[in-house]
Amino acid sequence: MIGSLVRIYAIALNTFREAVRDRILLGVVGLASGVLLFSLALGELSLDQQRRVVEDVGLASISLFSVVVAIFLGSSLLYKEIERKTLYVILPRPIHRWEFLVGKHLGIALTGFVFVMVMGGLQLFVMGLQAEGSLALLLGVPVALLAALGLVVWKAKDATTWGIAWAALTLGAGAACAATTEVEVTPVIYALVLNAAEVTLLAAVALFFGAFSTPFLTGAFTAGVWMVGRSADTMQTIHSRLLGDEVVALLHGLARVVPNFNLFVPGRHALHGADVPSYLLTTLGYGVGYTVLALAFASMAFRKRDFP
């Protein structure tokens, strides 16, 4: 058991290192950061709804871009191992294929967590600025964090592992600075937790398709599952004479089988109230159950795959 955990940890850490060095991922981070900053301008165009616009646009963009990250990494990293033939060096060693796959998933999920934490911290800084907090605090702290990151990249032997601590520090600093204003920090943290759970599940779905398909098809299938999952609530209640009974029955069946990704984006009002912790725990349990199921099917498919 300990041996399996050590092997999974090694695969996960190497996957995380490979993922954070990808230039496409850095581009996604830059684009997402630009959207969060642009939400300040969008908020000024609204009529007395600046705070709501900044929060809603920011959280929606974090959710969307984290989904892109999960689909991209889940559909490409496993294929790269096969294409570069590094997989042929790993599998002959005393490591089970399911250990390799679980390690890959944890590495991708960890990358998604880091992305969500960094973007969540930036979102809280932006919300603090919109709430007219202290400019010295809300601009000085991000500059200090960037300087610290630059120092780590310059001095540390393994900057990627330090990136996890830096991402957590960024989120914590953003929450602390936003708390000095009228911003409600707790609902934002709840939304980020659900977002991280969605990324974890989506990465498992991507690895399931990646275990037997090409990157393009894996990305397309995973995106399709996500879109259907985001529409699961509508599909469960749909009734239409125009579509016909067979199509309606098919949609109802899909809604029961496909993970309900709509649970991870319940809306701003659902994240306020006394029953939010119970909803959070229920949704996280739902996500863990589907993630384990997807990884189990992925492991079975990957185990049966022959490599020349």
Protein backbone atom coordinates (compact mmCIF):
# COMPACT_ATOMS: atom_id res chain seq x y z
CA MET A 1 0.00 0.00 0.00
CA ILE A 2 2.77 2.43 0.94
CA GLY A 3 4.62 1.50 -2.24
CA SER A 4 1.56 2.32 -4.33
CA LEU A 5 1.18 5.70 -2.62
CA VAL A 6 4.84 6.52 -3.24
CA ARG A 7 4.57 5.62 -6.93
CA ILE A 8 1.33 7.57 -7.36
CA TYR A 9 2.88 10.57 -5.61
CA ALA A 10 5.92 10.48 -7.92
CA ILE A 11 3.74 10.32 -11.05
CA ALA A 12 1.48 13.12 -9.76
CA LEU A 13 4.41 15.41 -8.96
CA ASN A 14 6.04 14.85 -12.35
CA THR A 15 2.70 15.45 -14.08
CA PHE A 16 2.25 18.70 -12.18
CA ARG A 17 5.76 19.83 -13.11
CA GLU A 18 5.15 19.06 -16.76
CA ALA A 19 1.77 20.82 -16.77
CA VAL A 20 2.87 24.10 -15.20
CA ARG A 21 5.69 24.42 -17.73
CA ASP A 22 3.29 24.24 -20.67
CA ARG A 23 3.18 27.56 -22.54
CA ILE A 24 -0.44 27.07 -23.52
CA LEU A 25 -1.37 26.87 -19.84
CA LEU A 26 0.53 30.11 -19.18
CA GLY A 27 -1.44 31.69 -22.03
CA VAL A 28 -4.71 30.58 -20.45
CA VAL A 29 -3.60 32.10 -17.12
CA GLY A 30 -2.81 35.40 -18.85
CA LEU A 31 -6.11 35.45 -20.71
CA ALA A 32 -8.11 34.61 -17.59
CA SER A 33 -6.30 37.34 -15.65
CA GLY A 34 -7.15 39.83 -18.38
CA VAL A 35 -10.83 38.90 -18.22
CA LEU A 36 -10.88 39.34 -14.43
CA LEU A 37 -9.35 42.81 -14.73
CA PHE A 38 -11.72 43.68 -17.58
CA SER A 39 -14.66 42.87 -15.32
CA LEU A 40 -13.90 46.14 -13.49
CA ALA A 41 -14.65 48.05 -16.68
CA LEU A 42 -17.79 46.00 -17.31
CA GLY A 43 -18.95 46.76 -13.78
CA GLU A 44 -18.67 50.50 -14.39
CA LEU A 45 -20.97 50.17 -17.40
CA SER A 46 -23.78 48.69 -15.29
CA LEU A 47 -26.38 50.66 -13.37
CA ASP A 48 -25.79 50.26 -9.63
CA GLN A 49 -24.79 46.61 -10.11
CA GLN A 50 -21.02 47.01 -10.25
CA ARG A 51 -20.25 44.61 -7.42
CA ARG A 52 -22.55 41.92 -8.76
CA VAL A 53 -21.17 42.21 -12.30
CA VAL A 54 -17.55 41.98 -11.11
CA GLU A 55 -18.31 38.95 -8.95
CA ASP A 56 -20.47 37.09 -11.47
CA VAL A 57 -18.25 37.74 -14.49
CA GLY A 58 -15.12 36.90 -12.52
CA LEU A 59 -16.38 33.62 -11.07
CA ALA A 60 -17.91 32.58 -14.40
CA SER A 61 -14.61 33.22 -16.21
CA ILE A 62 -12.65 31.25 -13.58
CA SER A 63 -15.07 28.36 -14.00
CA LEU A 64 -14.85 28.45 -17.79
CA PHE A 65 -11.07 28.73 -18.01
CA SER A 66 -10.51 26.04 -15.37
CA VAL A 67 -12.69 23.73 -17.47
CA VAL A 68 -10.49 24.55 -20.47
CA VAL A 69 -7.40 23.73 -18.40
CA ALA A 70 -8.85 20.39 -17.26
CA ILE A 71 -9.89 19.37 -20.77
CA PHE A 72 -6.60 20.45 -22.32
CA LEU A 73 -4.38 18.72 -19.78
CA GLY A 74 -6.55 15.62 -19.53
CA SER A 75 -6.58 15.12 -23.28
CA SER A 76 -2.90 15.90 -23.96
CA LEU A 77 -0.66 14.75 -21.10
CA LEU A 78 -1.41 11.04 -21.37
CA TYR A 79 -1.04 11.14 -25.15
CA LYS A 80 2.31 12.92 -24.82
CA GLU A 81 3.61 10.07 -22.70
CA ILE A 82 2.72 7.66 -25.50
CA GLU A 83 3.96 9.89 -28.32
CA ARG A 84 7.31 10.58 -26.66
CA LYS A 85 7.58 6.88 -25.75
CA THR A 86 8.32 7.74 -22.11
CA LEU A 87 5.43 5.45 -21.21
CA TYR A 88 7.39 2.48 -22.57
CA VAL A 89 10.11 3.21 -20.02
CA ILE A 90 7.69 3.60 -17.10
CA LEU A 91 5.34 0.64 -17.56
CA PRO A 92 8.02 -2.12 -17.51
CA ARG A 93 8.93 -0.96 -14.02
CA PRO A 94 7.10 -2.32 -10.96
CA ILE A 95 4.13 0.01 -11.34
CA HIS A 96 0.53 -0.88 -12.11
CA ARG A 97 -1.26 0.90 -14.92
CA TRP A 98 -3.97 2.11 -12.56
CA GLU A 99 -1.30 3.68 -10.36
CA PHE A 100 0.07 5.53 -13.35
CA LEU A 101 -3.39 6.73 -14.34
CA VAL A 102 -4.34 7.83 -10.83
CA GLY A 103 -1.03 9.68 -10.51
CA LYS A 104 -1.71 11.45 -13.80
CA HIS A 105 -5.15 12.43 -12.57
CA LEU A 106 -3.87 13.79 -9.28
CA GLY A 107 -1.22 15.81 -11.09
CA ILE A 108 -3.80 17.32 -13.44
CA ALA A 109 -6.19 17.99 -10.55
CA LEU A 110 -3.39 19.65 -8.58
CA THR A 111 -2.64 21.89 -11.54
CA GLY A 112 -6.32 22.81 -11.68
CA PHE A 113 -6.32 23.57 -7.95
CA VAL A 114 -3.33 25.89 -8.35
CA PHE A 115 -5.04 27.65 -11.26
CA VAL A 116 -8.26 28.11 -9.28
CA MET A 117 -6.39 29.40 -6.22
CA VAL A 118 -4.36 31.93 -8.21
CA MET A 119 -7.37 33.16 -10.18
CA GLY A 120 -9.49 33.18 -7.01
CA GLY A 121 -6.92 35.34 -5.26
CA LEU A 122 -6.86 37.75 -8.19
CA GLN A 123 -10.65 37.82 -8.24
CA LEU A 124 -10.74 38.81 -4.58
CA PHE A 125 -8.19 41.58 -5.17
CA VAL A 126 -10.32 42.85 -8.07
CA MET A 127 -13.48 42.74 -5.96
CA GLY A 128 -11.67 44.63 -3.21
CA LEU A 129 -10.65 47.32 -5.69
CA GLN A 130 -14.21 47.60 -6.96
CA ALA A 131 -15.41 47.98 -3.35
CA GLU A 132 -13.04 50.97 -3.04
CA GLY A 133 -10.64 49.35 -0.61
CA SER A 134 -7.15 50.61 0.16
CA LEU A 135 -5.22 51.02 -3.09
CA ALA A 136 -1.91 50.67 -1.27
CA LEU A 137 -3.02 47.31 0.13
CA LEU A 138 -4.87 45.92 -2.88
CA LEU A 139 -2.13 46.87 -5.34
CA GLY A 140 0.91 46.51 -3.09
CA VAL A 141 0.18 42.95 -1.96
CA PRO A 142 -0.17 41.54 -5.53
CA VAL A 143 3.08 43.27 -6.52
CA ALA A 144 4.79 41.74 -3.49
CA LEU A 145 3.39 38.32 -4.39
CA LEU A 146 4.69 38.61 -7.96
CA ALA A 147 8.09 39.66 -6.64
CA ALA A 148 8.10 36.64 -4.33
CA LEU A 149 7.21 34.37 -7.25
CA GLY A 150 10.02 35.82 -9.32
CA LEU A 151 12.46 35.24 -6.46
CA VAL A 152 11.31 31.64 -6.11
CA VAL A 153 11.70 30.99 -9.84
CA TRP A 154 15.16 32.54 -9.75
CA LYS A 155 16.52 30.95 -6.59
CA ALA A 156 14.62 27.71 -5.95
CA LYS A 157 15.94 24.46 -7.42
CA ASP A 158 12.39 23.18 -7.94
CA ALA A 159 10.16 26.22 -8.42
CA THR A 160 7.14 24.14 -9.46
CA THR A 161 6.60 22.64 -6.02
CA TRP A 162 6.92 26.07 -4.42
CA GLY A 163 4.19 27.22 -6.80
CA ILE A 164 1.60 25.29 -4.80
CA ALA A 165 2.43 27.20 -1.61
CA TRP A 166 2.54 30.47 -3.55
CA ALA A 167 -0.93 29.84 -5.03
CA ALA A 168 -2.37 29.13 -1.57
CA LEU A 169 -0.68 32.28 -0.24
CA THR A 170 -2.17 34.30 -3.11
CA LEU A 171 -5.67 33.09 -2.32
CA GLY A 172 -5.22 33.72 1.39
CA ALA A 173 -3.81 37.20 0.80
CA GLY A 174 -6.65 38.04 -1.59
CA ALA A 175 -9.24 36.88 0.95
CA ALA A 176 -7.58 38.84 3.76
CA CYS A 177 -7.39 42.04 1.69
CA ALA A 178 -10.96 41.71 0.39
CA ALA A 179 -12.18 41.14 3.96
CA THR A 180 -11.08 44.68 4.84
CA THR A 181 -13.83 45.95 2.51
CA GLU A 182 -17.54 45.17 2.21
CA VAL A 183 -16.86 42.16 -0.01
CA GLU A 184 -18.44 38.87 1.15
CA VAL A 185 -15.46 36.53 0.95
CA THR A 186 -17.05 33.28 2.13
CA PRO A 187 -19.41 32.76 -0.86
CA VAL A 188 -16.49 33.32 -3.21
CA ILE A 189 -14.44 30.66 -1.40
CA TYR A 190 -17.41 28.29 -1.61
CA ALA A 191 -17.64 28.88 -5.37
CA LEU A 192 -13.90 28.22 -5.78
CA VAL A 193 -14.15 24.95 -3.83
CA LEU A 194 -16.96 23.76 -6.10
CA ASN A 195 -14.96 24.88 -9.11
CA ALA A 196 -11.99 22.78 -7.97
CA ALA A 197 -14.28 19.77 -7.53
CA GLU A 198 -15.62 20.25 -11.06
CA VAL A 199 -12.06 20.34 -12.42
CA THR A 200 -11.23 17.12 -10.57
CA LEU A 201 -14.22 15.29 -12.03
CA LEU A 202 -13.68 16.65 -15.52
CA ALA A 203 -10.03 15.57 -15.47
CA ALA A 204 -11.13 12.03 -14.64
CA VAL A 205 -13.62 12.07 -17.54
CA ALA A 206 -10.88 13.32 -19.89
CA LEU A 207 -8.51 10.54 -18.78
CA PHE A 208 -11.25 7.97 -19.39
CA PHE A 209 -11.55 9.03 -23.03
CA GLY A 210 -7.78 9.56 -23.30
CA ALA A 211 -7.18 5.95 -22.28
CA PHE A 212 -8.38 4.74 -25.68
CA SER A 213 -8.68 7.79 -27.96
CA THR A 214 -6.69 10.59 -29.63
CA PRO A 215 -6.28 14.05 -28.05
CA PHE A 216 -8.73 15.69 -30.45
CA LEU A 217 -11.46 13.13 -29.88
CA THR A 218 -10.75 13.10 -26.15
CA GLY A 219 -11.16 16.87 -25.97
CA ALA A 220 -14.33 16.74 -28.06
CA PHE A 221 -15.90 13.91 -26.04
CA THR A 222 -14.99 15.53 -22.72
CA ALA A 223 -16.34 18.90 -23.79
CA GLY A 224 -19.52 17.19 -24.95
CA VAL A 225 -19.97 15.42 -21.61
CA TRP A 226 -19.40 18.71 -19.81
CA MET A 227 -21.96 20.57 -21.93
CA VAL A 228 -24.52 17.81 -21.47
CA GLY A 229 -23.77 17.77 -17.73
CA ARG A 230 -24.27 21.52 -17.49
CA SER A 231 -27.71 21.00 -19.07
CA ALA A 232 -28.63 17.96 -16.95
CA ASP A 233 -31.23 19.80 -14.84
CA THR A 234 -33.02 21.03 -17.95
CA MET A 235 -32.85 17.63 -19.63
CA GLN A 236 -34.36 15.90 -16.59
CA THR A 237 -37.46 18.10 -16.65
CA ILE A 238 -37.89 18.58 -20.39
CA HIS A 239 -41.26 17.70 -21.89
CA SER A 240 -41.90 18.39 -25.57
CA ARG A 241 -44.33 17.00 -28.12
CA LEU A 242 -42.15 18.42 -30.87
CA LEU A 243 -39.15 16.26 -29.95
CA GLY A 244 -41.14 13.07 -29.55
CA ASP A 245 -41.30 10.59 -26.70
CA GLU A 246 -38.21 8.66 -27.80
CA VAL A 247 -35.97 11.75 -27.87
CA VAL A 248 -37.31 12.98 -24.54
CA ALA A 249 -36.69 9.55 -23.00
CA LEU A 250 -33.14 9.59 -24.40
CA LEU A 251 -32.51 13.03 -22.88
CA HIS A 252 -33.86 11.89 -19.53
CA GLY A 253 -31.59 8.85 -19.65
CA LEU A 254 -28.53 10.95 -20.50
CA ALA A 255 -29.30 13.29 -17.61
CA ARG A 256 -29.24 10.33 -15.22
CA VAL A 257 -25.98 8.85 -16.55
CA VAL A 258 -23.85 11.92 -17.29
CA PRO A 259 -22.40 13.76 -14.27
CA ASN A 260 -24.50 16.77 -13.34
CA PHE A 261 -21.92 19.53 -13.68
CA ASN A 262 -24.62 22.09 -13.03
CA LEU A 263 -24.34 21.21 -9.32
CA PHE A 264 -20.91 22.85 -9.24
CA VAL A 265 -22.26 26.23 -10.40
CA PRO A 266 -25.39 26.70 -8.27
CA GLY A 267 -25.51 30.49 -8.66
CA ARG A 268 -24.72 33.35 -6.30
CA HIS A 269 -27.93 33.11 -4.25
CA ALA A 270 -27.41 29.40 -3.51
CA LEU A 271 -24.04 30.19 -1.90
CA HIS A 272 -25.61 32.42 0.75
CA GLY A 273 -27.45 30.94 3.71
CA ALA A 274 -27.16 28.50 6.58
CA ASP A 275 -27.56 25.33 4.47
CA VAL A 276 -24.57 26.06 2.19
CA PRO A 277 -22.11 23.78 4.09
CA SER A 278 -24.44 20.79 3.73
CA TYR A 279 -24.91 21.51 0.03
CA LEU A 280 -21.15 21.80 -0.31
CA LEU A 281 -20.52 18.45 1.37
CA THR A 282 -23.22 16.70 -0.65
CA THR A 283 -21.92 18.07 -3.94
CA LEU A 284 -18.31 17.25 -3.09
CA GLY A 285 -19.35 13.68 -2.20
CA TYR A 286 -21.20 13.45 -5.51
CA GLY A 287 -18.09 14.65 -7.34
CA VAL A 288 -15.81 12.21 -5.54
CA GLY A 289 -18.12 9.30 -6.34
CA TYR A 290 -18.25 10.09 -10.05
CA THR A 291 -14.50 10.76 -10.13
CA VAL A 292 -13.72 7.34 -8.64
CA LEU A 293 -16.14 5.71 -11.10
CA ALA A 294 -14.59 7.48 -14.09
CA LEU A 295 -11.07 6.56 -12.99
CA ALA A 296 -12.13 2.94 -12.50
CA PHE A 297 -13.45 2.73 -16.07
CA ALA A 298 -10.37 4.58 -17.34
CA SER A 299 -8.09 2.10 -15.58
CA MET A 300 -9.92 -0.85 -17.12
CA ALA A 301 -9.68 0.67 -20.60
CA PHE A 302 -6.02 1.59 -20.15
CA ARG A 303 -5.15 -1.87 -18.82
CA LYS A 304 -6.54 -3.52 -21.96
CA ARG A 305 -4.68 -1.19 -24.31
CA ASP A 306 -1.74 -2.71 -26.15
CA PHE A 307 1.35 -0.63 -26.83
CA PRO A 308 3.64 -1.62 -29.73
